[in-house]
Full PDB file with SEQRES, HELIX, SHEET, SSBOND, CRYST1, ORIGX, SCALE, CONECT and MASTER records, all heavy atoms in Angstrom:
SEQRES   1 A   38  PHE ALA PRO VAL SER THR LEU GLY PHE PHE ASP ILE ALA          
SEQRES   2 A   38  ILE LEU THR PRO ALA ASP SER LYS PHE LYS THR LEU ALA          
SEQRES   3 A   38  GLU LEU LEU ALA PHE ALA LYS ALA ASN PRO GLY LYS              
HELIX    1 AA1 LEU A   25  ALA A   34  1                                  10    
CRYST1    1.000    1.000    1.000  90.00  90.00  90.00 P 1           1          
ORIGX1      1.000000  0.000000  0.000000        0.00000                         
ORIGX2      0.000000  1.000000  0.000000        0.00000                         
ORIGX3      0.000000  0.000000  1.000000        0.00000                         
SCALE1      1.000000  0.000000  0.000000        0.00000                         
SCALE2      0.000000  1.000000  0.000000        0.00000                         
SCALE3      0.000000  0.000000  1.000000        0.00000                         
ATOM      1  N   PHE A   1     109.724 132.265  74.404  1.00  0.00           N  
ATOM      2  CA  PHE A   1     109.282 133.164  73.346  1.00  0.00           C  
ATOM      3  C   PHE A   1     109.210 134.599  73.852  1.00  0.00           C  
ATOM      4  O   PHE A   1     108.961 134.843  75.032  1.00  0.00           O  
ATOM      5  CB  PHE A   1     107.912 132.754  72.802  1.00  0.00           C  
ATOM      6  CG  PHE A   1     107.871 131.356  72.248  1.00  0.00           C  
ATOM      7  CD1 PHE A   1     107.244 130.340  72.946  1.00  0.00           C  
ATOM      8  CD2 PHE A   1     108.483 131.056  71.041  1.00  0.00           C  
ATOM      9  CE1 PHE A   1     107.221 129.042  72.446  1.00  0.00           C  
ATOM     10  CE2 PHE A   1     108.465 129.766  70.535  1.00  0.00           C  
ATOM     11  CZ  PHE A   1     107.838 128.752  71.244  1.00  0.00           C  
ATOM     12  N   ALA A   2     109.429 135.529  72.940  1.00  0.00           N  
ATOM     13  CA  ALA A   2     109.288 136.956  73.225  1.00  0.00           C  
ATOM     14  C   ALA A   2     108.155 137.495  72.372  1.00  0.00           C  
ATOM     15  O   ALA A   2     108.369 137.801  71.182  1.00  0.00           O  
ATOM     16  CB  ALA A   2     110.587 137.694  72.929  1.00  0.00           C  
ATOM     17  N   PRO A   3     106.924 137.584  72.900  1.00  0.00           N  
ATOM     18  CA  PRO A   3     105.811 138.114  72.104  1.00  0.00           C  
ATOM     19  C   PRO A   3     106.128 139.510  71.587  1.00  0.00           C  
ATOM     20  O   PRO A   3     106.709 140.331  72.300  1.00  0.00           O  
ATOM     21  CB  PRO A   3     104.642 138.124  73.098  1.00  0.00           C  
ATOM     22  CG  PRO A   3     104.982 137.030  74.076  1.00  0.00           C  
ATOM     23  CD  PRO A   3     106.482 137.123  74.232  1.00  0.00           C  
ATOM     24  N   VAL A   4     105.756 139.770  70.338  1.00  0.00           N  
ATOM     25  CA  VAL A   4     106.056 141.047  69.691  1.00  0.00           C  
ATOM     26  C   VAL A   4     104.812 141.915  69.577  1.00  0.00           C  
ATOM     27  O   VAL A   4     104.803 143.082  69.964  1.00  0.00           O  
ATOM     28  CB  VAL A   4     106.670 140.826  68.293  1.00  0.00           C  
ATOM     29  CG1 VAL A   4     106.974 142.165  67.624  1.00  0.00           C  
ATOM     30  CG2 VAL A   4     107.929 139.981  68.381  1.00  0.00           C  
ATOM     31  N   SER A   5     103.726 141.341  69.030  1.00  0.00           N  
ATOM     32  CA  SER A   5     102.494 142.104  68.851  1.00  0.00           C  
ATOM     33  C   SER A   5     101.355 141.158  68.491  1.00  0.00           C  
ATOM     34  O   SER A   5     101.581 140.119  67.872  1.00  0.00           O  
ATOM     35  CB  SER A   5     102.651 143.142  67.733  1.00  0.00           C  
ATOM     36  OG  SER A   5     101.419 143.792  67.459  1.00  0.00           O  
ATOM     37  N   THR A   6     100.159 141.538  68.860  1.00  0.00           N  
ATOM     38  CA  THR A   6      98.987 140.843  68.337  1.00  0.00           C  
ATOM     39  C   THR A   6      98.776 141.297  66.892  1.00  0.00           C  
ATOM     40  O   THR A   6      99.248 142.361  66.482  1.00  0.00           O  
ATOM     41  CB  THR A   6      97.727 141.152  69.156  1.00  0.00           C  
ATOM     42  OG1 THR A   6      97.506 142.568  69.170  1.00  0.00           O  
ATOM     43  CG2 THR A   6      97.863 140.649  70.584  1.00  0.00           C  
ATOM     44  N   LEU A   7      98.056 140.473  66.126  1.00  0.00           N  
ATOM     45  CA  LEU A   7      97.713 140.817  64.744  1.00  0.00           C  
ATOM     46  C   LEU A   7      96.214 141.047  64.589  1.00  0.00           C  
ATOM     47  O   LEU A   7      95.795 141.988  63.919  1.00  0.00           O  
ATOM     48  CB  LEU A   7      98.143 139.701  63.788  1.00  0.00           C  
ATOM     49  CG  LEU A   7      99.626 139.343  63.747  1.00  0.00           C  
ATOM     50  CD1 LEU A   7      99.857 138.242  62.721  1.00  0.00           C  
ATOM     51  CD2 LEU A   7     100.477 140.561  63.444  1.00  0.00           C  
ATOM     52  N   GLY A   8      95.426 140.167  65.188  1.00  0.00           N  
ATOM     53  CA  GLY A   8      93.989 140.306  65.025  1.00  0.00           C  
ATOM     54  C   GLY A   8      93.215 139.321  65.876  1.00  0.00           C  
ATOM     55  O   GLY A   8      93.771 138.353  66.415  1.00  0.00           O  
ATOM     56  N   PHE A   9      91.939 139.584  66.000  1.00  0.00           N  
ATOM     57  CA  PHE A   9      91.024 138.751  66.784  1.00  0.00           C  
ATOM     58  C   PHE A   9      89.844 138.383  65.892  1.00  0.00           C  
ATOM     59  O   PHE A   9      89.410 139.189  65.067  1.00  0.00           O  
ATOM     60  CB  PHE A   9      90.530 139.518  68.015  1.00  0.00           C  
ATOM     61  CG  PHE A   9      91.612 139.812  69.017  1.00  0.00           C  
ATOM     62  CD1 PHE A   9      92.565 140.790  68.764  1.00  0.00           C  
ATOM     63  CD2 PHE A   9      91.691 139.100  70.197  1.00  0.00           C  
ATOM     64  CE1 PHE A   9      93.571 141.062  69.679  1.00  0.00           C  
ATOM     65  CE2 PHE A   9      92.694 139.366  71.124  1.00  0.00           C  
ATOM     66  CZ  PHE A   9      93.636 140.348  70.868  1.00  0.00           C  
ATOM     67  N   PHE A  10      89.335 137.157  66.074  1.00  0.00           N  
ATOM     68  CA  PHE A  10      88.180 136.768  65.267  1.00  0.00           C  
ATOM     69  C   PHE A  10      87.176 135.995  66.092  1.00  0.00           C  
ATOM     70  O   PHE A  10      87.506 135.366  67.098  1.00  0.00           O  
ATOM     71  CB  PHE A  10      88.565 136.005  63.993  1.00  0.00           C  
ATOM     72  CG  PHE A  10      89.700 135.029  64.123  1.00  0.00           C  
ATOM     73  CD1 PHE A  10      89.465 133.679  64.154  1.00  0.00           C  
ATOM     74  CD2 PHE A  10      91.014 135.493  64.174  1.00  0.00           C  
ATOM     75  CE1 PHE A  10      90.511 132.778  64.248  1.00  0.00           C  
ATOM     76  CE2 PHE A  10      92.072 134.594  64.259  1.00  0.00           C  
ATOM     77  CZ  PHE A  10      91.818 133.229  64.307  1.00  0.00           C  
ATOM     78  N   ASP A  11      85.926 136.113  65.660  1.00  0.00           N  
ATOM     79  CA  ASP A  11      84.797 135.683  66.474  1.00  0.00           C  
ATOM     80  C   ASP A  11      84.561 134.181  66.454  1.00  0.00           C  
ATOM     81  O   ASP A  11      84.815 133.496  65.461  1.00  0.00           O  
ATOM     82  CB  ASP A  11      83.522 136.374  65.989  1.00  0.00           C  
ATOM     83  CG  ASP A  11      83.545 137.863  66.229  1.00  0.00           C  
ATOM     84  OD1 ASP A  11      83.538 138.267  67.404  1.00  0.00           O  
ATOM     85  OD2 ASP A  11      83.579 138.618  65.245  1.00  0.00           O  
ATOM     86  N   ILE A  12      84.027 133.716  67.569  1.00  0.00           N  
ATOM     87  CA  ILE A  12      83.489 132.366  67.689  1.00  0.00           C  
ATOM     88  C   ILE A  12      81.972 132.518  67.816  1.00  0.00           C  
ATOM     89  O   ILE A  12      81.490 133.472  68.434  1.00  0.00           O  
ATOM     90  CB  ILE A  12      84.072 131.643  68.917  1.00  0.00           C  
ATOM     91  CG1 ILE A  12      85.588 131.470  68.748  1.00  0.00           C  
ATOM     92  CG2 ILE A  12      83.405 130.287  69.144  1.00  0.00           C  
ATOM     93  CD1 ILE A  12      86.300 130.933  69.979  1.00  0.00           C  
ATOM     94  N   ALA A  13      81.236 131.606  67.208  1.00  0.00           N  
ATOM     95  CA  ALA A  13      79.779 131.730  67.178  1.00  0.00           C  
ATOM     96  C   ALA A  13      79.105 130.486  67.735  1.00  0.00           C  
ATOM     97  O   ALA A  13      79.653 129.382  67.676  1.00  0.00           O  
ATOM     98  CB  ALA A  13      79.302 131.971  65.745  1.00  0.00           C  
ATOM     99  N   ILE A  14      77.908 130.688  68.274  1.00  0.00           N  
ATOM    100  CA  ILE A  14      77.030 129.581  68.678  1.00  0.00           C  
ATOM    101  C   ILE A  14      75.969 129.473  67.591  1.00  0.00           C  
ATOM    102  O   ILE A  14      75.237 130.433  67.321  1.00  0.00           O  
ATOM    103  CB  ILE A  14      76.391 129.840  70.047  1.00  0.00           C  
ATOM    104  CG1 ILE A  14      77.483 130.029  71.106  1.00  0.00           C  
ATOM    105  CG2 ILE A  14      75.464 128.683  70.427  1.00  0.00           C  
ATOM    106  CD1 ILE A  14      76.961 130.516  72.438  1.00  0.00           C  
ATOM    107  N   LEU A  15      75.922 128.311  66.932  1.00  0.00           N  
ATOM    108  CA  LEU A  15      75.119 128.136  65.722  1.00  0.00           C  
ATOM    109  C   LEU A  15      74.055 127.062  65.881  1.00  0.00           C  
ATOM    110  O   LEU A  15      74.227 126.106  66.652  1.00  0.00           O  
ATOM    111  CB  LEU A  15      76.021 127.719  64.558  1.00  0.00           C  
ATOM    112  CG  LEU A  15      77.192 128.623  64.212  1.00  0.00           C  
ATOM    113  CD1 LEU A  15      78.377 127.792  63.782  1.00  0.00           C  
ATOM    114  CD2 LEU A  15      76.798 129.565  63.101  1.00  0.00           C  
ATOM    115  N   THR A  16      72.992 127.216  65.127  1.00  0.00           N  
ATOM    116  CA  THR A  16      71.991 126.162  64.977  1.00  0.00           C  
ATOM    117  C   THR A  16      71.646 126.047  63.499  1.00  0.00           C  
ATOM    118  O   THR A  16      71.982 126.935  62.710  1.00  0.00           O  
ATOM    119  CB  THR A  16      70.685 126.490  65.747  1.00  0.00           C  
ATOM    120  OG1 THR A  16      70.128 127.698  65.226  1.00  0.00           O  
ATOM    121  CG2 THR A  16      70.940 126.632  67.239  1.00  0.00           C  
ATOM    122  N   PRO A  17      70.975 124.967  63.090  1.00  0.00           N  
ATOM    123  CA  PRO A  17      70.442 124.936  61.725  1.00  0.00           C  
ATOM    124  C   PRO A  17      69.442 126.076  61.546  1.00  0.00           C  
ATOM    125  O   PRO A  17      68.804 126.525  62.512  1.00  0.00           O  
ATOM    126  CB  PRO A  17      69.750 123.572  61.642  1.00  0.00           C  
ATOM    127  CG  PRO A  17      70.326 122.771  62.759  1.00  0.00           C  
ATOM    128  CD  PRO A  17      70.675 123.734  63.838  1.00  0.00           C  
ATOM    129  N   ALA A  18      69.272 126.537  60.333  1.00  0.00           N  
ATOM    130  CA  ALA A  18      68.364 127.660  60.073  1.00  0.00           C  
ATOM    131  C   ALA A  18      66.926 127.329  60.442  1.00  0.00           C  
ATOM    132  O   ALA A  18      66.146 128.217  60.816  1.00  0.00           O  
ATOM    133  CB  ALA A  18      68.444 128.072  58.611  1.00  0.00           C  
ATOM    134  N   ASP A  19      66.559 126.039  60.353  1.00  0.00           N  
ATOM    135  CA  ASP A  19      65.176 125.643  60.658  1.00  0.00           C  
ATOM    136  C   ASP A  19      65.016 125.155  62.096  1.00  0.00           C  
ATOM    137  O   ASP A  19      64.003 124.557  62.454  1.00  0.00           O  
ATOM    138  CB  ASP A  19      64.698 124.566  59.690  1.00  0.00           C  
ATOM    139  CG  ASP A  19      65.588 123.321  59.728  1.00  0.00           C  
ATOM    140  OD1 ASP A  19      66.596 123.303  60.474  1.00  0.00           O  
ATOM    141  OD2 ASP A  19      65.276 122.353  58.986  1.00  0.00           O  
ATOM    142  N   SER A  20      66.005 125.422  62.951  1.00  0.00           N  
ATOM    143  CA  SER A  20      65.935 124.983  64.344  1.00  0.00           C  
ATOM    144  C   SER A  20      64.794 125.677  65.080  1.00  0.00           C  
ATOM    145  O   SER A  20      64.439 126.827  64.786  1.00  0.00           O  
ATOM    146  CB  SER A  20      67.256 125.294  65.055  1.00  0.00           C  
ATOM    147  OG  SER A  20      67.137 125.087  66.442  1.00  0.00           O  
ATOM    148  N   LYS A  21      64.275 124.977  66.072  1.00  0.00           N  
ATOM    149  CA  LYS A  21      63.231 125.588  66.913  1.00  0.00           C  
ATOM    150  C   LYS A  21      63.822 126.641  67.848  1.00  0.00           C  
ATOM    151  O   LYS A  21      63.087 127.458  68.411  1.00  0.00           O  
ATOM    152  CB  LYS A  21      62.516 124.509  67.725  1.00  0.00           C  
ATOM    153  CG  LYS A  21      63.418 123.787  68.734  1.00  0.00           C  
ATOM    154  CD  LYS A  21      62.634 122.719  69.482  1.00  0.00           C  
ATOM    155  CE  LYS A  21      63.522 121.971  70.491  1.00  0.00           C  
ATOM    156  NZ  LYS A  21      62.769 120.919  71.201  1.00  0.00           N  
ATOM    157  N   PHE A  22      65.147 126.629  68.000  1.00  0.00           N  
ATOM    158  CA  PHE A  22      65.803 127.611  68.857  1.00  0.00           C  
ATOM    159  C   PHE A  22      66.126 128.863  68.039  1.00  0.00           C  
ATOM    160  O   PHE A  22      66.996 128.846  67.172  1.00  0.00           O  
ATOM    161  CB  PHE A  22      67.079 127.034  69.461  1.00  0.00           C  
ATOM    162  CG  PHE A  22      66.871 125.752  70.216  1.00  0.00           C  
ATOM    163  CD1 PHE A  22      67.494 124.577  69.797  1.00  0.00           C  
ATOM    164  CD2 PHE A  22      66.038 125.712  71.324  1.00  0.00           C  
ATOM    165  CE1 PHE A  22      67.300 123.389  70.480  1.00  0.00           C  
ATOM    166  CE2 PHE A  22      65.829 124.523  72.016  1.00  0.00           C  
ATOM    167  CZ  PHE A  22      66.459 123.354  71.597  1.00  0.00           C  
ATOM    168  N   LYS A  23      65.426 129.925  68.350  1.00  0.00           N  
ATOM    169  CA  LYS A  23      65.627 131.184  67.609  1.00  0.00           C  
ATOM    170  C   LYS A  23      66.588 132.125  68.326  1.00  0.00           C  
ATOM    171  O   LYS A  23      67.125 133.044  67.716  1.00  0.00           O  
ATOM    172  CB  LYS A  23      64.286 131.889  67.395  1.00  0.00           C  
ATOM    173  CG  LYS A  23      63.239 131.055  66.666  1.00  0.00           C  
ATOM    174  CD  LYS A  23      63.674 130.754  65.242  1.00  0.00           C  
ATOM    175  CE  LYS A  23      62.551 130.139  64.419  1.00  0.00           C  
ATOM    176  NZ  LYS A  23      62.113 128.809  64.896  1.00  0.00           N  
ATOM    177  N   THR A  24      66.786 131.907  69.620  1.00  0.00           N  
ATOM    178  CA  THR A  24      67.675 132.756  70.417  1.00  0.00           C  
ATOM    179  C   THR A  24      68.508 131.886  71.350  1.00  0.00           C  
ATOM    180  O   THR A  24      68.159 130.717  71.610  1.00  0.00           O  
ATOM    181  CB  THR A  24      66.884 133.762  71.275  1.00  0.00           C  
ATOM    182  OG1 THR A  24      66.124 133.035  72.257  1.00  0.00           O  
ATOM    183  CG2 THR A  24      65.950 134.609  70.415  1.00  0.00           C  
ATOM    184  N   LEU A  25      69.574 132.448  71.861  1.00  0.00           N  
ATOM    185  CA  LEU A  25      70.396 131.716  72.819  1.00  0.00           C  
ATOM    186  C   LEU A  25      69.616 131.463  74.107  1.00  0.00           C  
ATOM    187  O   LEU A  25      69.771 130.403  74.733  1.00  0.00           O  
ATOM    188  CB  LEU A  25      71.671 132.498  73.122  1.00  0.00           C  
ATOM    189  CG  LEU A  25      72.674 131.819  74.066  1.00  0.00           C  
ATOM    190  CD1 LEU A  25      73.116 130.462  73.516  1.00  0.00           C  
ATOM    191  CD2 LEU A  25      73.889 132.720  74.297  1.00  0.00           C  
ATOM    192  N   ALA A  26      68.759 132.389  74.480  1.00  0.00           N  
ATOM    193  CA  ALA A  26      67.942 132.210  75.685  1.00  0.00           C  
ATOM    194  C   ALA A  26      67.051 130.976  75.556  1.00  0.00           C  
ATOM    195  O   ALA A  26      66.881 130.217  76.530  1.00  0.00           O  
ATOM    196  CB  ALA A  26      67.096 133.460  75.937  1.00  0.00           C  
ATOM    197  N   GLU A  27      66.486 130.751  74.379  1.00  0.00           N  
ATOM    198  CA  GLU A  27      65.635 129.571  74.162  1.00  0.00           C  
ATOM    199  C   GLU A  27      66.462 128.293  74.254  1.00  0.00           C  
ATOM    200  O   GLU A  27      66.016 127.292  74.823  1.00  0.00           O  
ATOM    201  CB  GLU A  27      64.949 129.662  72.800  1.00  0.00           C  
ATOM    202  CG  GLU A  27      63.906 130.773  72.709  1.00  0.00           C  
ATOM    203  CD  GLU A  27      63.293 130.905  71.323  1.00  0.00           C  
ATOM    204  OE1 GLU A  27      63.680 130.127  70.417  1.00  0.00           O  
ATOM    205  OE2 GLU A  27      62.444 131.777  71.143  1.00  0.00           O  
ATOM    206  N   LEU A  28      67.670 128.329  73.689  1.00  0.00           N  
ATOM    207  CA  LEU A  28      68.553 127.165  73.752  1.00  0.00           C  
ATOM    208  C   LEU A  28      68.921 126.846  75.202  1.00  0.00           C  
ATOM    209  O   LEU A  28      68.888 125.683  75.634  1.00  0.00           O  
ATOM    210  CB  LEU A  28      69.811 127.442  72.937  1.00  0.00           C  
ATOM    211  CG  LEU A  28      70.824 126.288  72.808  1.00  0.00           C  
ATOM    212  CD1 LEU A  28      70.328 125.290  71.764  1.00  0.00           C  
ATOM    213  CD2 LEU A  28      72.186 126.829  72.393  1.00  0.00           C  
ATOM    214  N   LEU A  29      69.262 127.887  75.966  1.00  0.00           N  
ATOM    215  CA  LEU A  29      69.626 127.699  77.368  1.00  0.00           C  
ATOM    216  C   LEU A  29      68.452 127.175  78.182  1.00  0.00           C  
ATOM    217  O   LEU A  29      68.623 126.307  79.046  1.00  0.00           O  
ATOM    218  CB  LEU A  29      70.125 129.019  77.956  1.00  0.00           C  
ATOM    219  CG  LEU A  29      71.497 129.489  77.493  1.00  0.00           C  
ATOM    220  CD1 LEU A  29      71.758 130.914  77.959  1.00  0.00           C  
ATOM    221  CD2 LEU A  29      72.572 128.552  78.010  1.00  0.00           C  
ATOM    222  N   ALA A  30      67.261 127.696  77.916  1.00  0.00           N  
ATOM    223  CA  ALA A  30      66.075 127.248  78.655  1.00  0.00           C  
ATOM    224  C   ALA A  30      65.823 125.762  78.430  1.00  0.00           C  
ATOM    225  O   ALA A  30      65.519 125.018  79.379  1.00  0.00           O  
ATOM    226  CB  ALA A  30      64.859 128.071  78.225  1.00  0.00           C  
ATOM    227  N   PHE A  31      65.983 125.310  77.180  1.00  0.00           N  
ATOM    228  CA  PHE A  31      65.803 123.883  76.884  1.00  0.00           C  
ATOM    229  C   PHE A  31      66.867 123.052  77.585  1.00  0.00           C  
ATOM    230  O   PHE A  31      66.564 121.997  78.170  1.00  0.00           O  
ATOM    231  CB  PHE A  31      65.864 123.652  75.376  1.00  0.00           C  
ATOM    232  CG  PHE A  31      65.758 122.208  74.988  1.00  0.00           C  
ATOM    233  CD1 PHE A  31      64.520 121.600  74.813  1.00  0.00           C  
ATOM    234  CD2 PHE A  31      66.904 121.425  74.816  1.00  0.00           C  
ATOM    235  CE1 PHE A  31      64.419 120.250  74.475  1.00  0.00           C  
ATOM    236  CE2 PHE A  31      66.813 120.084  74.471  1.00  0.00           C  
ATOM    237  CZ  PHE A  31      65.568 119.492  74.305  1.00  0.00           C  
ATOM    238  N   ALA A  32      68.119 123.517  77.533  1.00  0.00           N  
ATOM    239  CA  ALA A  32      69.217 122.761  78.142  1.00  0.00           C  
ATOM    240  C   ALA A  32      69.018 122.616  79.641  1.00  0.00           C  
ATOM    241  O   ALA A  32      69.288 121.545  80.217  1.00  0.00           O  
ATOM    242  CB  ALA A  32      70.544 123.453  77.840  1.00  0.00           C  
ATOM    243  N   LYS A  33      68.540 123.666  80.286  1.00  0.00           N  
ATOM    244  CA  LYS A  33      68.341 123.607  81.740  1.00  0.00           C  
ATOM    245  C   LYS A  33      67.153 122.727  82.117  1.00  0.00           C  
ATOM    246  O   LYS A  33      67.177 122.053  83.148  1.00  0.00           O  
ATOM    247  CB  LYS A  33      68.149 125.024  82.288  1.00  0.00           C  
ATOM    248  CG  LYS A  33      69.433 125.855  82.237  1.00  0.00           C  
ATOM    249  CD  LYS A  33      69.207 127.277  82.712  1.00  0.00           C  
ATOM    250  CE  LYS A  33      70.521 128.069  82.661  1.00  0.00           C  
ATOM    251  NZ  LYS A  33      70.336 129.478  83.094  1.00  0.00           N  
ATOM    252  N   ALA A  34      66.132 122.722  81.256  1.00  0.00           N  
ATOM    253  CA  ALA A  34      64.939 121.913  81.539  1.00  0.00           C  
ATOM    254  C   ALA A  34      65.111 120.458  81.147  1.00  0.00           C  
ATOM    255  O   ALA A  34      64.352 119.589  81.614  1.00  0.00           O  
ATOM    256  CB  ALA A  34      63.728 122.504  80.802  1.00  0.00           C  
ATOM    257  N   ASN A  35      66.127 120.166  80.302  1.00  0.00           N  
ATOM    258  CA  ASN A  35      66.330 118.802  79.796  1.00  0.00           C  
ATOM    259  C   ASN A  35      67.802 118.409  79.917  1.00  0.00           C  
ATOM    260  O   ASN A  35      68.527 118.337  78.911  1.00  0.00           O  
ATOM    261  CB  ASN A  35      65.882 118.710  78.337  1.00  0.00           C  
ATOM    262  CG  ASN A  35      64.418 119.058  78.145  1.00  0.00           C  
ATOM    263  OD1 ASN A  35      63.542 118.211  78.282  1.00  0.00           O  
ATOM    264  ND2 ASN A  35      64.156 120.320  77.826  1.00  0.00           N  
ATOM    265  N   PRO A  36      68.278 118.142  81.127  1.00  0.00           N  
ATOM    266  CA  PRO A  36      69.695 117.818  81.326  1.00  0.00           C  
ATOM    267  C   PRO A  36      70.142 116.630  80.470  1.00  0.00           C  
ATOM    268  O   PRO A  36      69.456 115.602  80.399  1.00  0.00           O  
ATOM    269  CB  PRO A  36      69.762 117.465  82.820  1.00  0.00           C  
ATOM    270  CG  PRO A  36      68.589 118.155  83.430  1.00  0.00           C  
ATOM    271  CD  PRO A  36      67.519 118.120  82.390  1.00  0.00           C  
ATOM    272  N   GLY A  37      71.269 116.815  79.807  1.00  0.00           N  
ATOM    273  CA  GLY A  37      71.861 115.727  79.019  1.00  0.00           C  
ATOM    274  C   GLY A  37      71.247 115.499  77.659  1.00  0.00           C  
ATOM    275  O   GLY A  37      71.700 114.621  76.922  1.00  0.00           O  
ATOM    276  N   LYS A  38      70.241 116.275  77.268  1.00  0.00           N  
ATOM    277  CA  LYS A  38      69.546 116.021  76.006  1.00  0.00           C  
ATOM    278  C   LYS A  38      69.962 116.942  74.857  1.00  0.00           C  
ATOM    279  O   LYS A  38      69.630 116.666  73.701  1.00  0.00           O  
ATOM    280  CB  LYS A  38      68.038 116.113  76.208  1.00  0.00           C  
ATOM    281  CG  LYS A  38      67.488 114.984  77.072  1.00  0.00           C  
ATOM    282  CD  LYS A  38      65.972 114.989  77.099  1.00  0.00           C  
ATOM    283  CE  LYS A  38      65.433 113.815  77.926  1.00  0.00           C  
ATOM    284  NZ  LYS A  38      63.960 113.805  77.968  1.00  0.00           N  
TER     285      LYS A  38                                                      
MASTER        0    0    0    1    0    0    0    6  284    1    0    3          
END                                                                             
């Protein structure tokens, strides 16, 4: 293939339910590190 040009980029998100106890990514990471595999 001979690439010609990019067209656009779009975001990927880390999501939780709106009523989740995790309000920030830091809280999610803290739980994951304290509870391996859970």
